Amino acid sequence: MQPIFDDVLVSILVDGEFFPVLCATDMSLNTRQEVILATTADTGTWRRKRLRGLSEWSVTLNGLTKIDNTDGQISYFYLLQENVRGTEQTIQIIFEDTDGNIQVIEGTVLIPDITFNSSVGSFSDVNVTFEGSGRFTIEQSLSGAQSGSGLCETILSDTWIMAAETNSISGAGNEGRSFAGMDILEVDREGTQFDYTSGSPGNREFSFDGTNIIFQDDVPAGQTETVFVLWKVT
């Protein structure tokens, strides 16, 4: 059996069908049982504890958002509407490994906390908390569970160290990712954003031939420079 790698999908039930929540970049599932003290006169100097038998669970999710839901992903504004109304929702979490093994968690939640973050020149992201209301179920297949057809664009990034007296980067970055053949969204050289050009790059410009990102100026002799690249998987 392979470890779970990236293949976790959080969806919310809308009109009888599950749709992905945001274009999620990471999620966390937390379950907790209430602990009470069980110390007696015979337990000595160490505290004893036991579980009370009351459990709770929550899911936190971070991701990118679009304005509306027309592409099949539930946006921040839909979640905000349900947050204000205080209505219960049904969510589904699908875990899958590369061997095709599946676990599905489904349950009723409230949305007590949702945060929208935005900064100039970058994508807006959302942090949302789902608090479980009652128990959740665990299934080992998608039988009885519906899965919406909305797919999120996969956004990846990495950094490269550009060597002295060179003016281009290619291949795998420091995290092992490659932008070859992808849709380049942003290129930053030493923290300065460069603009794309289809011709020869000029000042604060880069060109991309499908394999190499090329700049006008070489890195000065005896130095290295860090290049950050953000791209969309095509």
C-alpha atoms as a PDB file:
ATOM      1  CA  MET A   1       0.000   0.000   0.000  1.00  0.00           C
ATOM      2  CA  GLN A   2       1.270   3.442  -0.927  1.00  0.00           C
ATOM      3  CA  PRO A   3       1.129   6.518   1.358  1.00  0.00           C
ATOM      4  CA  ILE A   4      -1.476   9.189   0.649  1.00  0.00           C
ATOM      5  CA  PHE A   5       0.156  11.828  -1.549  1.00  0.00           C
ATOM      6  CA  ASP A   6      -1.809  14.971  -2.507  1.00  0.00           C
ATOM      7  CA  ASP A   7      -4.939  12.941  -3.349  1.00  0.00           C
ATOM      8  CA  VAL A   8      -7.295  14.377  -0.723  1.00  0.00           C
ATOM      9  CA  LEU A   9     -10.496  16.048  -1.931  1.00  0.00           C
ATOM     10  CA  VAL A  10     -12.850  18.039   0.316  1.00  0.00           C
ATOM     11  CA  SER A  11     -16.327  18.608  -1.156  1.00  0.00           C
ATOM     12  CA  ILE A  12     -19.585  20.120   0.043  1.00  0.00           C
ATOM     13  CA  LEU A  13     -23.116  18.939  -0.745  1.00  0.00           C
ATOM     14  CA  VAL A  14     -25.152  21.368  -2.875  1.00  0.00           C
ATOM     15  CA  ASP A  15     -28.543  20.347  -4.301  1.00  0.00           C
ATOM     16  CA  GLY A  16     -27.792  16.641  -3.970  1.00  0.00           C
ATOM     17  CA  GLU A  17     -24.285  16.709  -5.492  1.00  0.00           C
ATOM     18  CA  PHE A  18     -20.828  17.145  -3.963  1.00  0.00           C
ATOM     19  CA  PHE A  19     -18.583  19.888  -5.338  1.00  0.00           C
ATOM     20  CA  PRO A  20     -14.929  20.620  -4.419  1.00  0.00           C
ATOM     21  CA  VAL A  21     -14.450  23.383  -1.852  1.00  0.00           C
ATOM     22  CA  LEU A  22     -12.185  26.113  -3.290  1.00  0.00           C
ATOM     23  CA  CYS A  23      -9.062  25.059  -5.186  1.00  0.00           C
ATOM     24  CA  ALA A  24      -7.623  23.648  -1.990  1.00  0.00           C
ATOM     25  CA  THR A  25      -3.878  23.656  -1.351  1.00  0.00           C
ATOM     26  CA  ASP A  26      -3.903  21.948   2.048  1.00  0.00           C
ATOM     27  CA  MET A  27      -6.308  20.594   4.641  1.00  0.00           C
ATOM     28  CA  SER A  28      -6.277  19.275   8.199  1.00  0.00           C
ATOM     29  CA  LEU A  29      -8.704  16.838   9.844  1.00  0.00           C
ATOM     30  CA  ASN A  30      -8.735  16.968  13.649  1.00  0.00           C
ATOM     31  CA  THR A  31     -10.597  14.596  15.983  1.00  0.00           C
ATOM     32  CA  ARG A  32     -10.556  14.910  19.760  1.00  0.00           C
ATOM     33  CA  GLN A  33     -12.093  13.195  22.778  1.00  0.00           C
ATOM     34  CA  GLU A  34     -12.659  15.156  25.961  1.00  0.00           C
ATOM     35  CA  VAL A  35     -10.191  14.234  28.719  1.00  0.00           C
ATOM     36  CA  ILE A  36     -11.070  14.475  32.419  1.00  0.00           C
ATOM     37  CA  LEU A  37      -8.963  13.945  35.540  1.00  0.00           C
ATOM     38  CA  ALA A  38      -9.133  10.569  37.254  1.00  0.00           C
ATOM     39  CA  THR A  39      -6.680  11.216  40.075  1.00  0.00           C
ATOM     40  CA  THR A  40      -7.400   9.495  43.411  1.00  0.00           C
ATOM     41  CA  ALA A  41      -5.635   9.211  46.743  1.00  0.00           C
ATOM     42  CA  ASP A  42      -3.907   6.050  45.520  1.00  0.00           C
ATOM     43  CA  THR A  43      -2.408   7.453  42.291  1.00  0.00           C
ATOM     44  CA  GLY A  44       0.592   9.124  43.916  1.00  0.00           C
ATOM     45  CA  THR A  45       2.205  12.241  42.486  1.00  0.00           C
ATOM     46  CA  TRP A  46       1.263  11.595  38.853  1.00  0.00           C
ATOM     47  CA  ARG A  47      -2.036  12.795  37.459  1.00  0.00           C
ATOM     48  CA  ARG A  48      -4.324  10.120  36.057  1.00  0.00           C
ATOM     49  CA  LYS A  49      -6.730  10.880  33.227  1.00  0.00           C
ATOM     50  CA  ARG A  50      -9.481   9.142  31.298  1.00  0.00           C
ATOM     51  CA  LEU A  51     -11.614   9.814  28.266  1.00  0.00           C
ATOM     52  CA  ARG A  52     -15.078  11.119  29.027  1.00  0.00           C
ATOM     53  CA  GLY A  53     -16.613   9.561  25.927  1.00  0.00           C
ATOM     54  CA  LEU A  54     -17.505  12.848  24.198  1.00  0.00           C
ATOM     55  CA  SER A  55     -15.866  13.316  20.800  1.00  0.00           C
ATOM     56  CA  GLU A  56     -15.622  16.247  18.400  1.00  0.00           C
ATOM     57  CA  TRP A  57     -14.059  16.822  15.015  1.00  0.00           C
ATOM     58  CA  SER A  58     -13.187  19.651  12.659  1.00  0.00           C
ATOM     59  CA  VAL A  59     -11.660  20.287   9.259  1.00  0.00           C
ATOM     60  CA  THR A  60      -9.549  23.299   8.312  1.00  0.00           C
ATOM     61  CA  LEU A  61      -8.970  24.058   4.662  1.00  0.00           C
ATOM     62  CA  ASN A  62      -6.749  26.527   2.822  1.00  0.00           C
ATOM     63  CA  GLY A  63      -7.071  27.256  -0.869  1.00  0.00           C
ATOM     64  CA  LEU A  64      -7.464  29.644  -3.773  1.00  0.00           C
ATOM     65  CA  THR A  65     -10.859  31.037  -4.666  1.00  0.00           C
ATOM     66  CA  LYS A  66     -12.627  32.309  -7.753  1.00  0.00           C
ATOM     67  CA  ILE A  67     -15.474  34.827  -7.795  1.00  0.00           C
ATOM     68  CA  ASP A  68     -18.266  32.343  -8.495  1.00  0.00           C
ATOM     69  CA  ASN A  69     -19.002  28.615  -8.663  1.00  0.00           C
ATOM     70  CA  THR A  70     -19.482  28.284 -12.418  1.00  0.00           C
ATOM     71  CA  ASP A  71     -16.330  26.194 -12.942  1.00  0.00           C
ATOM     72  CA  GLY A  72     -17.529  23.557 -10.492  1.00  0.00           C
ATOM     73  CA  GLN A  73     -15.673  24.648  -7.347  1.00  0.00           C
ATOM     74  CA  ILE A  74     -17.421  26.206  -4.367  1.00  0.00           C
ATOM     75  CA  SER A  75     -16.125  29.764  -3.925  1.00  0.00           C
ATOM     76  CA  TYR A  76     -15.422  31.878  -0.860  1.00  0.00           C
ATOM     77  CA  PHE A  77     -18.589  33.881  -1.425  1.00  0.00           C
ATOM     78  CA  TYR A  78     -20.831  30.805  -1.251  1.00  0.00           C
ATOM     79  CA  LEU A  79     -19.113  29.709   1.971  1.00  0.00           C
ATOM     80  CA  LEU A  80     -19.438  33.244   3.377  1.00  0.00           C
ATOM     81  CA  GLN A  81     -23.166  33.190   2.664  1.00  0.00           C
ATOM     82  CA  GLU A  82     -23.563  29.897   4.541  1.00  0.00           C
ATOM     83  CA  ASN A  83     -21.356  31.185   7.367  1.00  0.00           C
ATOM     84  CA  VAL A  84     -23.630  34.195   7.861  1.00  0.00           C
ATOM     85  CA  ARG A  85     -26.777  32.061   7.714  1.00  0.00           C
ATOM     86  CA  GLY A  86     -25.338  29.588  10.234  1.00  0.00           C
ATOM     87  CA  THR A  87     -26.827  26.628   8.355  1.00  0.00           C
ATOM     88  CA  GLU A  88     -25.555  23.064   8.680  1.00  0.00           C
ATOM     89  CA  GLN A  89     -23.702  21.630   5.689  1.00  0.00           C
ATOM     90  CA  THR A  90     -22.668  18.132   4.636  1.00  0.00           C
ATOM     91  CA  ILE A  91     -19.049  17.662   3.613  1.00  0.00           C
ATOM     92  CA  GLN A  92     -17.202  14.721   2.127  1.00  0.00           C
ATOM     93  CA  ILE A  93     -13.462  14.005   2.295  1.00  0.00           C
ATOM     94  CA  ILE A  94     -11.994  11.483  -0.147  1.00  0.00           C
ATOM     95  CA  PHE A  95      -8.544  10.048   0.601  1.00  0.00           C
ATOM     96  CA  GLU A  96      -6.826   8.025  -2.134  1.00  0.00           C
ATOM     97  CA  ASP A  97      -3.359   6.548  -2.629  1.00  0.00           C
ATOM     98  CA  THR A  98      -1.585   5.657  -5.866  1.00  0.00           C
ATOM     99  CA  ASP A  99      -2.741   2.030  -5.541  1.00  0.00           C
ATOM    100  CA  GLY A 100      -6.357   3.160  -5.827  1.00  0.00           C
ATOM    101  CA  ASN A 101      -7.271   2.513  -2.176  1.00  0.00           C
ATOM    102  CA  ILE A 102     -10.002   4.882  -0.971  1.00  0.00           C
ATOM    103  CA  GLN A 103     -11.377   6.079   2.354  1.00  0.00           C
ATOM    104  CA  VAL A 104     -14.359   8.444   2.440  1.00  0.00           C
ATOM    105  CA  ILE A 105     -15.331  10.526   5.470  1.00  0.00           C
ATOM    106  CA  GLU A 106     -18.718  12.244   5.446  1.00  0.00           C
ATOM    107  CA  GLY A 107     -20.520  14.283   8.085  1.00  0.00           C
ATOM    108  CA  THR A 108     -22.528  17.365   9.009  1.00  0.00           C
ATOM    109  CA  VAL A 109     -20.679  20.599   9.818  1.00  0.00           C
ATOM    110  CA  LEU A 110     -21.077  24.265  10.619  1.00  0.00           C
ATOM    111  CA  ILE A 111     -18.838  27.039   9.265  1.00  0.00           C
ATOM    112  CA  PRO A 112     -17.859  29.155  12.306  1.00  0.00           C
ATOM    113  CA  ASP A 113     -14.760  30.770  10.834  1.00  0.00           C
ATOM    114  CA  ILE A 114     -13.743  31.856   7.337  1.00  0.00           C
ATOM    115  CA  THR A 115     -10.920  34.245   6.390  1.00  0.00           C
ATOM    116  CA  PHE A 116     -10.122  35.885   3.055  1.00  0.00           C
ATOM    117  CA  ASN A 117      -6.487  36.906   2.436  1.00  0.00           C
ATOM    118  CA  SER A 118      -5.226  39.007  -0.437  1.00  0.00           C
ATOM    119  CA  SER A 119      -2.037  40.861  -1.308  1.00  0.00           C
ATOM    120  CA  VAL A 120      -1.038  42.936  -4.326  1.00  0.00           C
ATOM    121  CA  GLY A 121       0.309  40.892  -7.231  1.00  0.00           C
ATOM    122  CA  SER A 122      -0.661  37.454  -5.944  1.00  0.00           C
ATOM    123  CA  PHE A 123      -3.645  35.118  -5.796  1.00  0.00           C
ATOM    124  CA  SER A 124      -6.272  35.521  -3.090  1.00  0.00           C
ATOM    125  CA  ASP A 125      -6.548  32.628  -0.687  1.00  0.00           C
ATOM    126  CA  VAL A 126      -9.132  31.535   1.861  1.00  0.00           C
ATOM    127  CA  ASN A 127      -8.910  29.755   5.225  1.00  0.00           C
ATOM    128  CA  VAL A 128     -12.121  28.010   6.270  1.00  0.00           C
ATOM    129  CA  THR A 129     -12.985  25.954   9.347  1.00  0.00           C
ATOM    130  CA  PHE A 130     -15.683  23.277   9.347  1.00  0.00           C
ATOM    131  CA  GLU A 131     -16.802  22.253  12.843  1.00  0.00           C
ATOM    132  CA  GLY A 132     -18.384  18.810  13.015  1.00  0.00           C
ATOM    133  CA  SER A 133     -21.965  18.688  14.290  1.00  0.00           C
ATOM    134  CA  GLY A 134     -22.506  15.105  15.387  1.00  0.00           C
ATOM    135  CA  ARG A 135     -20.675  12.000  14.203  1.00  0.00           C
ATOM    136  CA  PHE A 136     -19.045  11.328  10.866  1.00  0.00           C
ATOM    137  CA  THR A 137     -19.056   8.106   8.855  1.00  0.00           C
ATOM    138  CA  ILE A 138     -16.114   6.295   7.247  1.00  0.00           C
ATOM    139  CA  GLU A 139     -16.507   4.217   4.098  1.00  0.00           C
ATOM    140  CA  GLN A 140     -13.900   2.332   2.055  1.00  0.00           C
ATOM    141  CA  SER A 141     -15.416   3.144  -1.317  1.00  0.00           C
ATOM    142  CA  LEU A 142     -17.440   5.780  -3.096  1.00  0.00           C
ATOM    143  CA  SER A 143     -20.591   3.652  -2.976  1.00  0.00           C
ATOM    144  CA  GLY A 144     -23.368   5.855  -1.674  1.00  0.00           C
ATOM    145  CA  ALA A 145     -21.181   8.938  -2.058  1.00  0.00           C
ATOM    146  CA  GLN A 146     -21.459  11.336  -4.943  1.00  0.00           C
ATOM    147  CA  SER A 147     -18.557  13.179  -6.471  1.00  0.00           C
ATOM    148  CA  GLY A 148     -18.966  16.428  -8.399  1.00  0.00           C
ATOM    149  CA  SER A 149     -17.249  16.958 -11.727  1.00  0.00           C
ATOM    150  CA  GLY A 150     -15.646  20.316 -10.935  1.00  0.00           C
ATOM    151  CA  LEU A 151     -11.872  20.134 -11.240  1.00  0.00           C
ATOM    152  CA  CYS A 152      -9.400  22.610  -9.776  1.00  0.00           C
ATOM    153  CA  GLU A 153      -6.492  23.954 -11.709  1.00  0.00           C
ATOM    154  CA  THR A 154      -3.255  22.664 -10.202  1.00  0.00           C
ATOM    155  CA  ILE A 155      -0.964  25.552  -9.246  1.00  0.00           C
ATOM    156  CA  LEU A 156       2.664  24.699  -8.442  1.00  0.00           C
ATOM    157  CA  SER A 157       5.819  26.640  -7.658  1.00  0.00           C
ATOM    158  CA  ASP A 158       9.506  26.088  -7.020  1.00  0.00           C
ATOM    159  CA  THR A 159      12.783  27.988  -6.802  1.00  0.00           C
ATOM    160  CA  TRP A 160      15.992  27.725  -8.784  1.00  0.00           C
ATOM    161  CA  ILE A 161      19.524  28.916  -8.024  1.00  0.00           C
ATOM    162  CA  MET A 162      20.864  30.619 -11.157  1.00  0.00           C
ATOM    163  CA  ALA A 163      24.620  30.239 -11.389  1.00  0.00           C
ATOM    164  CA  ALA A 164      27.128  33.034 -12.018  1.00  0.00           C
ATOM    165  CA  GLU A 165      27.436  34.264 -15.599  1.00  0.00           C
ATOM    166  CA  THR A 166      24.243  32.492 -16.722  1.00  0.00           C
ATOM    167  CA  ASN A 167      20.883  34.003 -17.695  1.00  0.00           C
ATOM    168  CA  SER A 168      18.447  31.054 -17.792  1.00  0.00           C
ATOM    169  CA  ILE A 169      16.927  28.235 -15.730  1.00  0.00           C
ATOM    170  CA  SER A 170      15.439  24.866 -16.676  1.00  0.00           C
ATOM    171  CA  GLY A 171      14.961  21.348 -15.355  1.00  0.00           C
ATOM    172  CA  ALA A 172      13.976  20.467 -11.784  1.00  0.00           C
ATOM    173  CA  GLY A 173      13.934  23.130  -9.086  1.00  0.00           C
ATOM    174  CA  ASN A 174      15.018  22.911  -5.466  1.00  0.00           C
ATOM    175  CA  GLU A 175      11.821  20.964  -4.589  1.00  0.00           C
ATOM    176  CA  GLY A 176      12.122  18.680  -7.609  1.00  0.00           C
ATOM    177  CA  ARG A 177       9.358  20.291  -9.689  1.00  0.00           C
ATOM    178  CA  SER A 178       9.576  21.311 -13.342  1.00  0.00           C
ATOM    179  CA  PHE A 179       7.732  24.014 -15.307  1.00  0.00           C
ATOM    180  CA  ALA A 180       8.532  22.466 -18.698  1.00  0.00           C
ATOM    181  CA  GLY A 181       5.505  22.691 -20.983  1.00  0.00           C
ATOM    182  CA  MET A 182       3.428  24.457 -18.325  1.00  0.00           C
ATOM    183  CA  ASP A 183       1.567  27.776 -18.256  1.00  0.00           C
ATOM    184  CA  ILE A 184       3.897  30.223 -16.481  1.00  0.00           C
ATOM    185  CA  LEU A 185       2.017  32.583 -14.157  1.00  0.00           C
ATOM    186  CA  GLU A 186       4.786  34.453 -12.355  1.00  0.00           C
ATOM    187  CA  VAL A 187       8.574  34.733 -12.419  1.00  0.00           C
ATOM    188  CA  ASP A 188      10.526  36.561  -9.697  1.00  0.00           C
ATOM    189  CA  ARG A 189      14.294  37.065  -9.829  1.00  0.00           C
ATOM    190  CA  GLU A 190      15.800  37.968  -6.460  1.00  0.00           C
ATOM    191  CA  GLY A 191      12.361  39.108  -5.280  1.00  0.00           C
ATOM    192  CA  THR A 192      11.638  41.303  -8.317  1.00  0.00           C
ATOM    193  CA  GLN A 193       8.782  40.232 -10.594  1.00  0.00           C
ATOM    194  CA  PHE A 194       9.577  39.994 -14.306  1.00  0.00           C
ATOM    195  CA  ASP A 195       7.087  40.265 -17.195  1.00  0.00           C
ATOM    196  CA  TYR A 196       6.735  37.750 -20.012  1.00  0.00           C
ATOM    197  CA  THR A 197       7.703  38.621 -23.568  1.00  0.00           C
ATOM    198  CA  SER A 198       7.341  36.475 -26.672  1.00  0.00           C
ATOM    199  CA  GLY A 199      10.489  38.030 -28.168  1.00  0.00           C
ATOM    200  CA  SER A 200      13.951  38.656 -26.827  1.00  0.00           C
ATOM    201  CA  PRO A 201      13.750  39.667 -23.145  1.00  0.00           C
ATOM    202  CA  GLY A 202      14.563  43.227 -22.185  1.00  0.00           C
ATOM    203  CA  ASN A 203      14.851  44.933 -18.804  1.00  0.00           C
ATOM    204  CA  ARG A 204      12.734  43.108 -16.168  1.00  0.00           C
ATOM    205  CA  GLU A 205      11.407  40.695 -18.810  1.00  0.00           C
ATOM    206  CA  PHE A 206      11.725  36.954 -19.389  1.00  0.00           C
ATOM    207  CA  SER A 207      11.017  34.669 -22.320  1.00  0.00           C
ATOM    208  CA  PHE A 208       9.900  31.038 -22.208  1.00  0.00           C
ATOM    209  CA  ASP A 209      10.446  28.488 -24.991  1.00  0.00           C
ATOM    210  CA  GLY A 210       8.603  25.647 -23.271  1.00  0.00           C
ATOM    211  CA  THR A 211      11.740  24.373 -21.538  1.00  0.00           C
ATOM    212  CA  ASN A 212      13.912  27.352 -20.557  1.00  0.00           C
ATOM    213  CA  ILE A 213      13.127  30.640 -18.818  1.00  0.00           C
ATOM    214  CA  ILE A 214      15.562  33.205 -20.180  1.00  0.00           C
ATOM    215  CA  PHE A 215      16.505  36.681 -18.916  1.00  0.00           C
ATOM    216  CA  GLN A 216      18.357  39.541 -20.591  1.00  0.00           C
ATOM    217  CA  ASP A 217      21.187  39.917 -18.087  1.00  0.00           C
ATOM    218  CA  ASP A 218      23.620  37.329 -16.771  1.00  0.00           C
ATOM    219  CA  VAL A 219      24.197  36.801 -13.064  1.00  0.00           C
ATOM    220  CA  PRO A 220      27.336  38.775 -12.083  1.00  0.00           C
ATOM    221  CA  ALA A 221      30.577  36.785 -11.784  1.00  0.00           C
ATOM    222  CA  GLY A 222      31.097  35.213  -8.371  1.00  0.00           C
ATOM    223  CA  GLN A 223      27.402  35.437  -7.432  1.00  0.00           C
ATOM    224  CA  THR A 224      24.235  33.357  -7.600  1.00  0.00           C
ATOM    225  CA  GLU A 225      20.616  34.492  -7.769  1.00  0.00           C
ATOM    226  CA  THR A 226      17.347  32.865  -6.696  1.00  0.00           C
ATOM    227  CA  VAL A 227      14.494  32.610  -9.192  1.00  0.00           C
ATOM    228  CA  PHE A 228      10.930  31.833  -8.066  1.00  0.00           C
ATOM    229  CA  VAL A 229       8.479  30.435 -10.647  1.00  0.00           C
ATOM    230  CA  LEU A 230       4.719  29.913 -10.283  1.00  0.00           C
ATOM    231  CA  TRP A 231       2.888  27.936 -12.953  1.00  0.00           C
ATOM    232  CA  LYS A 232      -0.367  26.202 -13.819  1.00  0.00           C
ATOM    233  CA  VAL A 233      -0.311  22.555 -14.795  1.00  0.00           C
ATOM    234  CA  THR A 234      -1.622  22.153 -18.360  1.00  0.00           C
END
